[in-house]
PDB file of all heavy atoms in Angstrom:
ATOM      1  N   MET A   1      -1.500 -17.484 -56.824  1.00  0.00           N
ATOM      2  CA  MET A   1      -2.234 -17.418 -58.094  1.00  0.00           C
ATOM      3  C   MET A   1      -1.703 -16.235 -58.877  1.00  0.00           C
ATOM      4  O   MET A   1      -1.506 -16.340 -60.139  1.00  0.00           O
ATOM      5  CB  MET A   1      -3.711 -17.300 -57.965  1.00  0.00           C
ATOM      6  CG  MET A   1      -4.337 -18.644 -57.442  1.00  0.00           C
ATOM      7  SD  MET A   1      -6.148 -18.586 -57.600  1.00  0.00           S
ATOM      8  CE  MET A   1      -6.674 -17.340 -56.349  1.00  0.00           C
ATOM      9  N   ARG A   2      -1.385 -15.143 -58.232  1.00  0.00           N
ATOM     10  CA  ARG A   2      -0.868 -13.998 -58.996  1.00  0.00           C
ATOM     11  C   ARG A   2       0.533 -14.348 -59.509  1.00  0.00           C
ATOM     12  O   ARG A   2       0.863 -13.918 -60.661  1.00  0.00           O
ATOM     13  CB  ARG A   2      -0.760 -12.783 -58.008  1.00  0.00           C
ATOM     14  CG  ARG A   2      -0.229 -11.485 -58.608  1.00  0.00           C
ATOM     15  CD  ARG A   2       0.059 -10.395 -57.639  1.00  0.00           C
ATOM     16  NE  ARG A   2       1.244 -10.806 -56.864  1.00  0.00           N
ATOM     17  CZ  ARG A   2       2.523 -10.746 -57.255  1.00  0.00           C
ATOM     18  NH1 ARG A   2       2.751 -10.288 -58.510  1.00  0.00           N
ATOM     19  NH2 ARG A   2       3.495 -11.031 -56.504  1.00  0.00           N
ATOM     20  N   LEU A   3       1.340 -14.989 -58.797  1.00  0.00           N
ATOM     21  CA  LEU A   3       2.679 -15.353 -59.249  1.00  0.00           C
ATOM     22  C   LEU A   3       2.716 -16.185 -60.456  1.00  0.00           C
ATOM     23  O   LEU A   3       3.549 -15.980 -61.442  1.00  0.00           O
ATOM     24  CB  LEU A   3       3.426 -16.166 -58.165  1.00  0.00           C
ATOM     25  CG  LEU A   3       4.048 -15.277 -57.010  1.00  0.00           C
ATOM     26  CD1 LEU A   3       4.625 -16.259 -55.951  1.00  0.00           C
ATOM     27  CD2 LEU A   3       5.137 -14.393 -57.492  1.00  0.00           C
ATOM     28  N   VAL A   4       1.765 -17.112 -60.609  1.00  0.00           N
ATOM     29  CA  VAL A   4       1.724 -18.082 -61.808  1.00  0.00           C
ATOM     30  C   VAL A   4       0.721 -17.595 -62.830  1.00  0.00           C
ATOM     31  O   VAL A   4       0.412 -18.317 -63.782  1.00  0.00           O
ATOM     32  CB  VAL A   4       1.444 -19.469 -61.375  1.00  0.00           C
ATOM     33  CG1 VAL A   4       2.611 -19.962 -60.439  1.00  0.00           C
ATOM     34  CG2 VAL A   4       0.115 -19.669 -60.759  1.00  0.00           C
ATOM     35  N   HIS A   5       0.092 -16.424 -62.644  1.00  0.00           N
ATOM     36  CA  HIS A   5      -0.792 -15.806 -63.534  1.00  0.00           C
ATOM     37  C   HIS A   5      -2.043 -16.637 -63.825  1.00  0.00           C
ATOM     38  O   HIS A   5      -2.449 -16.911 -65.011  1.00  0.00           O
ATOM     39  CB  HIS A   5      -0.056 -15.477 -64.873  1.00  0.00           C
ATOM     40  CG  HIS A   5       1.149 -14.601 -64.737  1.00  0.00           C
ATOM     41  ND1 HIS A   5       1.065 -13.332 -64.306  1.00  0.00           N
ATOM     42  CD2 HIS A   5       2.464 -14.894 -64.849  1.00  0.00           C
ATOM     43  CE1 HIS A   5       2.282 -12.813 -64.230  1.00  0.00           C
ATOM     44  NE2 HIS A   5       3.170 -13.818 -64.542  1.00  0.00           N
ATOM     45  N   ILE A   6      -2.705 -17.102 -62.781  1.00  0.00           N
ATOM     46  CA  ILE A   6      -3.932 -17.859 -62.976  1.00  0.00           C
ATOM     47  C   ILE A   6      -5.069 -17.190 -62.128  1.00  0.00           C
ATOM     48  O   ILE A   6      -6.137 -17.810 -61.937  1.00  0.00           O
ATOM     49  CB  ILE A   6      -3.811 -19.309 -62.534  1.00  0.00           C
ATOM     50  CG1 ILE A   6      -3.316 -19.479 -61.093  1.00  0.00           C
ATOM     51  CG2 ILE A   6      -2.907 -20.038 -63.533  1.00  0.00           C
ATOM     52  CD1 ILE A   6      -3.308 -20.834 -60.593  1.00  0.00           C
ATOM     53  N   THR A   7      -4.925 -15.927 -61.680  1.00  0.00           N
ATOM     54  CA  THR A   7      -5.959 -15.266 -60.869  1.00  0.00           C
ATOM     55  C   THR A   7      -7.275 -15.263 -61.574  1.00  0.00           C
ATOM     56  O   THR A   7      -8.421 -15.487 -60.984  1.00  0.00           O
ATOM     57  CB  THR A   7      -5.584 -13.821 -60.577  1.00  0.00           C
ATOM     58  OG1 THR A   7      -4.229 -13.904 -59.853  1.00  0.00           O
ATOM     59  CG2 THR A   7      -6.532 -13.136 -59.607  1.00  0.00           C
ATOM     60  N   ASP A   8      -7.244 -15.011 -62.928  1.00  0.00           N
ATOM     61  CA  ASP A   8      -8.517 -14.954 -63.630  1.00  0.00           C
ATOM     62  C   ASP A   8      -9.171 -16.315 -63.847  1.00  0.00           C
ATOM     63  O   ASP A   8     -10.269 -16.416 -64.394  1.00  0.00           O
ATOM     64  CB  ASP A   8      -8.351 -14.181 -64.958  1.00  0.00           C
ATOM     65  CG  ASP A   8      -7.321 -14.881 -65.870  1.00  0.00           C
ATOM     66  OD1 ASP A   8      -6.427 -15.721 -65.366  1.00  0.00           O
ATOM     67  OD2 ASP A   8      -7.357 -14.692 -67.058  1.00  0.00           O
ATOM     68  N   LYS A   9      -8.496 -17.366 -63.453  1.00  0.00           N
ATOM     69  CA  LYS A   9      -9.003 -18.734 -63.617  1.00  0.00           C
ATOM     70  C   LYS A   9      -9.433 -19.297 -62.305  1.00  0.00           C
ATOM     71  O   LYS A   9      -9.724 -20.561 -62.274  1.00  0.00           O
ATOM     72  CB  LYS A   9      -7.929 -19.684 -64.285  1.00  0.00           C
ATOM     73  CG  LYS A   9      -7.275 -19.151 -65.528  1.00  0.00           C
ATOM     74  CD  LYS A   9      -8.305 -18.944 -66.702  1.00  0.00           C
ATOM     75  CE  LYS A   9      -7.530 -18.411 -67.984  1.00  0.00           C
ATOM     76  NZ  LYS A   9      -8.517 -18.162 -69.041  1.00  0.00           N
ATOM     77  N   ALA A  10      -9.438 -18.552 -61.249  1.00  0.00           N
ATOM     78  CA  ALA A  10      -9.643 -18.996 -59.931  1.00  0.00           C
ATOM     79  C   ALA A  10     -10.915 -19.860 -59.718  1.00  0.00           C
ATOM     80  O   ALA A  10     -10.966 -20.793 -58.994  1.00  0.00           O
ATOM     81  CB  ALA A  10      -9.612 -17.891 -58.856  1.00  0.00           C
ATOM     82  N   ASP A  11     -11.942 -19.421 -60.461  1.00  0.00           N
ATOM     83  CA  ASP A  11     -13.244 -20.093 -60.270  1.00  0.00           C
ATOM     84  C   ASP A  11     -13.662 -21.023 -61.436  1.00  0.00           C
ATOM     85  O   ASP A  11     -14.699 -21.518 -61.494  1.00  0.00           O
ATOM     86  CB  ASP A  11     -14.388 -19.034 -60.094  1.00  0.00           C
ATOM     87  CG  ASP A  11     -14.091 -18.211 -58.823  1.00  0.00           C
ATOM     88  OD1 ASP A  11     -13.779 -18.771 -57.737  1.00  0.00           O
ATOM     89  OD2 ASP A  11     -14.275 -17.019 -58.906  1.00  0.00           O
ATOM     90  N   ARG A  12     -12.609 -21.309 -62.231  1.00  0.00           N
ATOM     91  CA  ARG A  12     -12.809 -22.279 -63.342  1.00  0.00           C
ATOM     92  C   ARG A  12     -12.517 -23.663 -62.817  1.00  0.00           C
ATOM     93  O   ARG A  12     -11.723 -23.946 -62.014  1.00  0.00           O
ATOM     94  CB  ARG A  12     -11.857 -21.935 -64.416  1.00  0.00           C
ATOM     95  CG  ARG A  12     -12.036 -20.762 -65.166  1.00  0.00           C
ATOM     96  CD  ARG A  12     -13.202 -20.838 -66.246  1.00  0.00           C
ATOM     97  NE  ARG A  12     -12.973 -21.818 -67.187  1.00  0.00           N
ATOM     98  CZ  ARG A  12     -12.238 -21.717 -68.317  1.00  0.00           C
ATOM     99  NH1 ARG A  12     -11.627 -20.493 -68.560  1.00  0.00           N
ATOM    100  NH2 ARG A  12     -12.036 -22.701 -69.200  1.00  0.00           N
ATOM    101  N   ILE A  13     -13.341 -24.654 -63.330  1.00  0.00           N
ATOM    102  CA  ILE A  13     -13.044 -26.071 -62.990  1.00  0.00           C
ATOM    103  C   ILE A  13     -11.845 -26.504 -63.789  1.00  0.00           C
ATOM    104  O   ILE A  13     -11.755 -26.236 -64.979  1.00  0.00           O
ATOM    105  CB  ILE A  13     -14.287 -26.960 -63.340  1.00  0.00           C
ATOM    106  CG1 ILE A  13     -15.534 -26.542 -62.474  1.00  0.00           C
ATOM    107  CG2 ILE A  13     -14.013 -28.438 -63.179  1.00  0.00           C
ATOM    108  CD1 ILE A  13     -16.803 -27.183 -62.884  1.00  0.00           C
ATOM    109  N   ILE A  14     -10.943 -27.260 -63.096  1.00  0.00           N
ATOM    110  CA  ILE A  14      -9.623 -27.512 -63.628  1.00  0.00           C
ATOM    111  C   ILE A  14      -9.696 -28.415 -64.951  1.00  0.00           C
ATOM    112  O   ILE A  14      -8.979 -28.120 -65.844  1.00  0.00           O
ATOM    113  CB  ILE A  14      -8.827 -28.285 -62.609  1.00  0.00           C
ATOM    114  CG1 ILE A  14      -8.497 -27.278 -61.438  1.00  0.00           C
ATOM    115  CG2 ILE A  14      -7.478 -28.811 -63.187  1.00  0.00           C
ATOM    116  CD1 ILE A  14      -7.799 -27.940 -60.286  1.00  0.00           C
ATOM    117  N   LYS A  15     -10.627 -29.299 -65.016  1.00  0.00           N
ATOM    118  CA  LYS A  15     -10.693 -30.092 -66.186  1.00  0.00           C
ATOM    119  C   LYS A  15     -11.103 -29.324 -67.494  1.00  0.00           C
ATOM    120  O   LYS A  15     -10.918 -29.757 -68.603  1.00  0.00           O
ATOM    121  CB  LYS A  15     -11.758 -31.269 -65.998  1.00  0.00           C
ATOM    122  CG  LYS A  15     -13.238 -30.844 -65.934  1.00  0.00           C
ATOM    123  CD  LYS A  15     -14.098 -32.037 -65.676  1.00  0.00           C
ATOM    124  CE  LYS A  15     -15.600 -31.681 -65.498  1.00  0.00           C
ATOM    125  NZ  LYS A  15     -16.402 -32.871 -65.220  1.00  0.00           N
ATOM    126  N   ASN A  16     -11.630 -28.110 -67.278  1.00  0.00           N
ATOM    127  CA  ASN A  16     -11.975 -27.257 -68.457  1.00  0.00           C
ATOM    128  C   ASN A  16     -10.807 -26.325 -68.836  1.00  0.00           C
ATOM    129  O   ASN A  16     -10.975 -25.537 -69.764  1.00  0.00           O
ATOM    130  CB  ASN A  16     -13.257 -26.439 -68.107  1.00  0.00           C
ATOM    131  CG  ASN A  16     -14.433 -27.281 -67.882  1.00  0.00           C
ATOM    132  OD1 ASN A  16     -14.612 -28.312 -68.455  1.00  0.00           O
ATOM    133  ND2 ASN A  16     -15.355 -26.801 -67.031  1.00  0.00           N
ATOM    134  N   LEU A  17      -9.635 -26.448 -68.209  1.00  0.00           N
ATOM    135  CA  LEU A  17      -8.605 -25.588 -68.485  1.00  0.00           C
ATOM    136  C   LEU A  17      -7.715 -26.220 -69.542  1.00  0.00           C
ATOM    137  O   LEU A  17      -7.610 -27.492 -69.693  1.00  0.00           O
ATOM    138  CB  LEU A  17      -7.688 -25.387 -67.203  1.00  0.00           C
ATOM    139  CG  LEU A  17      -8.357 -24.594 -66.108  1.00  0.00           C
ATOM    140  CD1 LEU A  17      -7.337 -24.468 -64.920  1.00  0.00           C
ATOM    141  CD2 LEU A  17      -8.809 -23.136 -66.572  1.00  0.00           C
ATOM    142  N   SER A  18      -6.931 -25.474 -70.309  1.00  0.00           N
ATOM    143  CA  SER A  18      -5.942 -25.964 -71.259  1.00  0.00           C
ATOM    144  C   SER A  18      -4.792 -26.641 -70.476  1.00  0.00           C
ATOM    145  O   SER A  18      -4.595 -26.434 -69.310  1.00  0.00           O
ATOM    146  CB  SER A  18      -5.379 -24.840 -72.105  1.00  0.00           C
ATOM    147  OG  SER A  18      -4.583 -23.985 -71.291  1.00  0.00           O
ATOM    148  N   LYS A  19      -4.074 -27.437 -71.165  1.00  0.00           N
ATOM    149  CA  LYS A  19      -2.848 -28.150 -70.628  1.00  0.00           C
ATOM    150  C   LYS A  19      -1.847 -27.045 -69.933  1.00  0.00           C
ATOM    151  O   LYS A  19      -1.304 -27.358 -68.887  1.00  0.00           O
ATOM    152  CB  LYS A  19      -2.101 -29.009 -71.599  1.00  0.00           C
ATOM    153  CG  LYS A  19      -1.015 -29.770 -71.025  1.00  0.00           C
ATOM    154  CD  LYS A  19      -0.447 -30.742 -72.008  1.00  0.00           C
ATOM    155  CE  LYS A  19       0.753 -31.614 -71.494  1.00  0.00           C
ATOM    156  NZ  LYS A  19       0.334 -32.391 -70.273  1.00  0.00           N
ATOM    157  N   GLY A  20      -1.655 -26.056 -70.696  1.00  0.00           N
ATOM    158  CA  GLY A  20      -0.771 -24.993 -70.183  1.00  0.00           C
ATOM    159  C   GLY A  20      -1.216 -24.397 -68.822  1.00  0.00           C
ATOM    160  O   GLY A  20      -0.414 -24.189 -67.878  1.00  0.00           O
ATOM    161  N   TYR A  21      -2.504 -24.083 -68.724  1.00  0.00           N
ATOM    162  CA  TYR A  21      -3.032 -23.584 -67.498  1.00  0.00           C
ATOM    163  C   TYR A  21      -3.114 -24.615 -66.404  1.00  0.00           C
ATOM    164  O   TYR A  21      -2.853 -24.320 -65.197  1.00  0.00           O
ATOM    165  CB  TYR A  21      -4.420 -23.001 -67.633  1.00  0.00           C
ATOM    166  CG  TYR A  21      -4.376 -21.580 -68.108  1.00  0.00           C
ATOM    167  CD1 TYR A  21      -4.635 -21.148 -69.430  1.00  0.00           C
ATOM    168  CD2 TYR A  21      -3.936 -20.558 -67.268  1.00  0.00           C
ATOM    169  CE1 TYR A  21      -4.609 -19.865 -69.837  1.00  0.00           C
ATOM    170  CE2 TYR A  21      -3.866 -19.255 -67.572  1.00  0.00           C
ATOM    171  CZ  TYR A  21      -4.162 -18.915 -68.879  1.00  0.00           C
ATOM    172  OH  TYR A  21      -4.096 -17.641 -69.399  1.00  0.00           O
ATOM    173  N   ARG A  22      -3.292 -25.930 -66.726  1.00  0.00           N
ATOM    174  CA  ARG A  22      -3.212 -27.017 -65.779  1.00  0.00           C
ATOM    175  C   ARG A  22      -1.808 -27.074 -65.204  1.00  0.00           C
ATOM    176  O   ARG A  22      -1.612 -27.322 -63.986  1.00  0.00           O
ATOM    177  CB  ARG A  22      -3.601 -28.377 -66.396  1.00  0.00           C
ATOM    178  CG  ARG A  22      -5.099 -28.477 -66.719  1.00  0.00           C
ATOM    179  CD  ARG A  22      -5.385 -29.928 -67.066  1.00  0.00           C
ATOM    180  NE  ARG A  22      -6.722 -29.986 -67.672  1.00  0.00           N
ATOM    181  CZ  ARG A  22      -7.346 -31.131 -67.859  1.00  0.00           C
ATOM    182  NH1 ARG A  22      -6.780 -32.300 -67.551  1.00  0.00           N
ATOM    183  NH2 ARG A  22      -8.523 -31.198 -68.475  1.00  0.00           N
ATOM    184  N   GLN A  23      -0.807 -26.882 -66.063  1.00  0.00           N
ATOM    185  CA  GLN A  23       0.595 -26.863 -65.616  1.00  0.00           C
ATOM    186  C   GLN A  23       0.871 -25.758 -64.657  1.00  0.00           C
ATOM    187  O   GLN A  23       1.498 -25.938 -63.606  1.00  0.00           O
ATOM    188  CB  GLN A  23       1.527 -26.815 -66.756  1.00  0.00           C
ATOM    189  CG  GLN A  23       2.922 -27.275 -66.545  1.00  0.00           C
ATOM    190  CD  GLN A  23       3.061 -28.732 -66.481  1.00  0.00           C
ATOM    191  OE1 GLN A  23       2.116 -29.548 -66.516  1.00  0.00           O
ATOM    192  NE2 GLN A  23       4.318 -29.253 -66.448  1.00  0.00           N
ATOM    193  N   ARG A  24       0.230 -24.599 -64.892  1.00  0.00           N
ATOM    194  CA  ARG A  24       0.350 -23.498 -63.992  1.00  0.00           C
ATOM    195  C   ARG A  24      -0.284 -23.741 -62.631  1.00  0.00           C
ATOM    196  O   ARG A  24       0.259 -23.319 -61.588  1.00  0.00           O
ATOM    197  CB  ARG A  24      -0.269 -22.168 -64.549  1.00  0.00           C
ATOM    198  CG  ARG A  24       0.581 -21.655 -65.691  1.00  0.00           C
ATOM    199  CD  ARG A  24      -0.120 -20.421 -66.333  1.00  0.00           C
ATOM    200  NE  ARG A  24       0.636 -19.911 -67.443  1.00  0.00           N
ATOM    201  CZ  ARG A  24       1.563 -19.001 -67.279  1.00  0.00           C
ATOM    202  NH1 ARG A  24       1.830 -18.498 -66.085  1.00  0.00           N
ATOM    203  NH2 ARG A  24       2.204 -18.550 -68.397  1.00  0.00           N
ATOM    204  N   VAL A  25      -1.408 -24.477 -62.676  1.00  0.00           N
ATOM    205  CA  VAL A  25      -2.024 -24.876 -61.380  1.00  0.00           C
ATOM    206  C   VAL A  25      -1.145 -25.767 -60.608  1.00  0.00           C
ATOM    207  O   VAL A  25      -1.033 -25.681 -59.395  1.00  0.00           O
ATOM    208  CB  VAL A  25      -3.423 -25.478 -61.676  1.00  0.00           C
ATOM    209  CG1 VAL A  25      -4.059 -25.914 -60.305  1.00  0.00           C
ATOM    210  CG2 VAL A  25      -4.395 -24.475 -62.336  1.00  0.00           C
ATOM    211  N   GLY A  26      -0.468 -26.726 -61.343  1.00  0.00           N
ATOM    212  CA  GLY A  26       0.508 -27.619 -60.747  1.00  0.00           C
ATOM    213  C   GLY A  26       1.688 -26.799 -60.075  1.00  0.00           C
ATOM    214  O   GLY A  26       2.109 -27.097 -58.977  1.00  0.00           O
ATOM    215  N   PHE A  27       2.115 -25.776 -60.766  1.00  0.00           N
ATOM    216  CA  PHE A  27       3.120 -24.911 -60.155  1.00  0.00           C
ATOM    217  C   PHE A  27       2.568 -24.249 -58.850  1.00  0.00           C
ATOM    218  O   PHE A  27       3.262 -24.084 -57.882  1.00  0.00           O
ATOM    219  CB  PHE A  27       3.530 -23.849 -61.188  1.00  0.00           C
ATOM    220  CG  PHE A  27       4.742 -24.162 -61.960  1.00  0.00           C
ATOM    221  CD1 PHE A  27       4.603 -24.603 -63.279  1.00  0.00           C
ATOM    222  CD2 PHE A  27       6.028 -24.010 -61.504  1.00  0.00           C
ATOM    223  CE1 PHE A  27       5.710 -24.908 -64.059  1.00  0.00           C
ATOM    224  CE2 PHE A  27       7.104 -24.357 -62.231  1.00  0.00           C
ATOM    225  CZ  PHE A  27       6.960 -24.747 -63.548  1.00  0.00           C
ATOM    226  N   ALA A  28       1.320 -23.780 -58.951  1.00  0.00           N
ATOM    227  CA  ALA A  28       0.737 -23.061 -57.860  1.00  0.00           C
ATOM    228  C   ALA A  28       0.681 -23.970 -56.557  1.00  0.00           C
ATOM    229  O   ALA A  28       1.032 -23.619 -55.478  1.00  0.00           O
ATOM    230  CB  ALA A  28      -0.648 -22.639 -58.161  1.00  0.00           C
TER     231      ALA A  28
END
């Protein structure tokens, strides 16, 4: 999560994320 810069989104539900952050979760 640190590598793809989504640490602050760790407890967010994925469907509430922007497309860019969903893509980062895919990278993760």
